[in-house]
Protein backbone atom coordinates (compact mmCIF):
# COMPACT_ATOMS: atom_id res chain seq x y z
CA MET A 1 -2.47 0.36 -18.67
CA ASN A 2 -1.16 0.22 -15.11
CA ILE A 3 2.64 0.35 -15.33
CA GLN A 4 4.80 -0.17 -12.26
CA ILE A 5 8.58 0.18 -12.43
CA PHE A 6 10.55 -1.39 -9.59
CA GLY A 7 14.18 -0.30 -9.45
CA THR A 8 16.60 2.09 -7.81
CA LYS A 9 17.34 5.73 -8.50
CA LYS A 10 20.98 4.87 -9.26
CA CYS A 11 20.24 2.14 -11.84
CA ASN A 12 20.83 3.33 -15.42
CA ASP A 13 18.47 0.75 -16.93
CA THR A 14 15.73 1.89 -14.54
CA LYS A 15 16.29 5.48 -15.66
CA LYS A 16 16.08 4.38 -19.30
CA ALA A 17 12.81 2.54 -18.61
CA GLN A 18 11.33 5.64 -16.98
CA ARG A 19 12.42 7.73 -19.96
CA TYR A 20 10.89 5.19 -22.38
CA PHE A 21 7.44 5.52 -20.82
CA LYS A 22 7.70 9.30 -20.31
CA GLU A 23 8.58 9.85 -23.98
CA ARG A 24 5.46 7.93 -25.00
CA GLY A 25 3.21 9.76 -22.56
CA ILE A 26 2.48 6.60 -20.58
CA LYS A 27 1.93 7.14 -16.88
CA PHE A 28 3.76 4.82 -14.51
CA GLN A 29 4.37 4.31 -10.82
CA PHE A 30 8.01 4.14 -9.72
CA ILE A 31 8.83 2.03 -6.67
CA ASP A 32 12.36 2.51 -5.31
CA LEU A 33 13.51 -0.90 -4.07
CA SER A 34 15.99 0.75 -1.72
CA GLU A 35 13.04 2.36 0.12
CA LYS A 36 10.18 -0.11 -0.34
CA GLU A 37 10.60 -3.78 -1.17
CA MET A 38 8.37 -5.91 -3.38
CA SER A 39 5.71 -7.87 -1.56
CA LYS A 40 5.72 -11.65 -1.69
CA GLY A 41 2.67 -11.61 -4.00
CA GLU A 42 4.27 -9.13 -6.42
CA PHE A 43 7.49 -11.12 -6.38
CA ARG A 44 5.74 -14.42 -7.15
CA SER A 45 3.66 -12.85 -9.90
CA VAL A 46 6.74 -11.43 -11.61
CA SER A 47 8.79 -14.62 -11.23
CA GLN A 48 6.03 -16.66 -12.90
CA LYS A 49 5.89 -14.25 -15.86
CA VAL A 50 9.66 -14.01 -16.45
CA GLY A 51 10.61 -17.66 -16.21
CA GLY A 52 11.27 -18.28 -12.54
CA ILE A 53 13.30 -16.94 -9.67
CA ASN A 54 16.68 -17.64 -11.30
CA ALA A 55 15.84 -15.27 -14.16
CA MET A 56 15.43 -12.47 -11.63
CA ILE A 57 18.92 -12.75 -10.11
CA ASN A 58 21.48 -10.15 -11.19
CA GLU A 59 24.80 -11.97 -11.56
CA ASN A 60 26.61 -8.60 -11.72
CA CYS A 61 25.19 -7.01 -8.57
CA LYS A 62 27.50 -5.17 -6.19
CA ASP A 63 26.55 -7.20 -3.12
CA LYS A 64 28.55 -10.36 -3.87
CA ASP A 65 27.94 -11.83 -0.40
CA ALA A 66 24.15 -11.67 -0.78
CA LEU A 67 24.45 -12.99 -4.34
CA ALA A 68 26.45 -16.01 -3.16
CA LEU A 69 23.95 -16.62 -0.37
CA VAL A 70 21.01 -16.56 -2.78
CA LYS A 71 22.68 -18.62 -5.52
CA TYR A 72 23.97 -21.48 -3.42
CA ILE A 73 21.04 -22.32 -1.15
CA SER A 74 18.33 -24.84 -1.86
CA GLU A 75 15.54 -23.94 -4.28
CA ASP A 76 12.86 -23.94 -1.57
CA GLU A 77 14.79 -21.38 0.54
CA ARG A 78 15.77 -19.17 -2.39
CA GLU A 79 12.51 -17.21 -2.57
CA GLU A 80 12.68 -16.14 1.08
CA LYS A 81 16.35 -15.12 0.75
CA LEU A 82 15.62 -13.12 -2.41
CA LEU A 83 12.74 -11.34 -0.70
CA ALA A 84 15.10 -10.45 2.17
CA ASN A 85 17.93 -9.43 -0.19
CA GLN A 86 16.22 -7.59 -3.04
CA GLN A 87 19.42 -5.73 -3.90
CA VAL A 88 20.42 -8.80 -5.96
CA LEU A 89 17.40 -8.55 -8.29
CA LYS A 90 17.81 -7.46 -11.90
CA THR A 91 16.27 -4.05 -12.44
CA PRO A 92 14.11 -2.57 -13.68
CA ILE A 93 11.24 -4.91 -12.99
CA VAL A 94 8.32 -3.58 -15.03
CA ARG A 95 4.76 -4.75 -14.45
CA ASN A 96 1.63 -4.07 -16.46
CA GLY A 97 -1.26 -5.83 -14.79
CA ASN A 98 -0.46 -9.52 -15.11
CA GLN A 99 2.43 -8.97 -17.54
CA ALA A 100 6.03 -8.42 -16.42
CA SER A 101 9.55 -7.95 -17.71
CA ILE A 102 13.01 -7.71 -16.21
CA GLY A 103 15.75 -5.38 -17.39
CA TYR A 104 15.49 -2.75 -20.10
CA ALA A 105 13.11 -4.42 -22.56
CA PRO A 106 11.41 -1.94 -24.94
CA GLU A 107 10.73 -4.78 -27.41
CA ILE A 108 8.40 -6.30 -24.81
CA TRP A 109 6.87 -3.01 -23.66
CA LYS A 110 5.86 -1.88 -27.14
CA ASN A 111 3.52 -4.89 -27.33
CA TRP A 112 1.77 -3.70 -24.16
CA THR A 113 0.50 -0.45 -25.72
């Protein structure tokens, strides 16, 4: 298993995801989105697995200006804007090889082990 957790240090759901894997003795790599953004390939891979770009947008994010920008532009421009404004993504984004989930989702993760 090759678990990657994308999130921020301040996100409670990201902390819960880290605790979930620690408690089960599963090693993971934490990527802080405030320091290092997802690559375009990682982003596309995750969006395909979770049901598209719209499923990745956090409607309750703090940056309302970036959220409005991302939500109300055309579909073909949305990916580029999301890559440039990753603070509007739902976190944690958890990857295991070619599998992915968004948010705190232990019901999905338990099927990975």
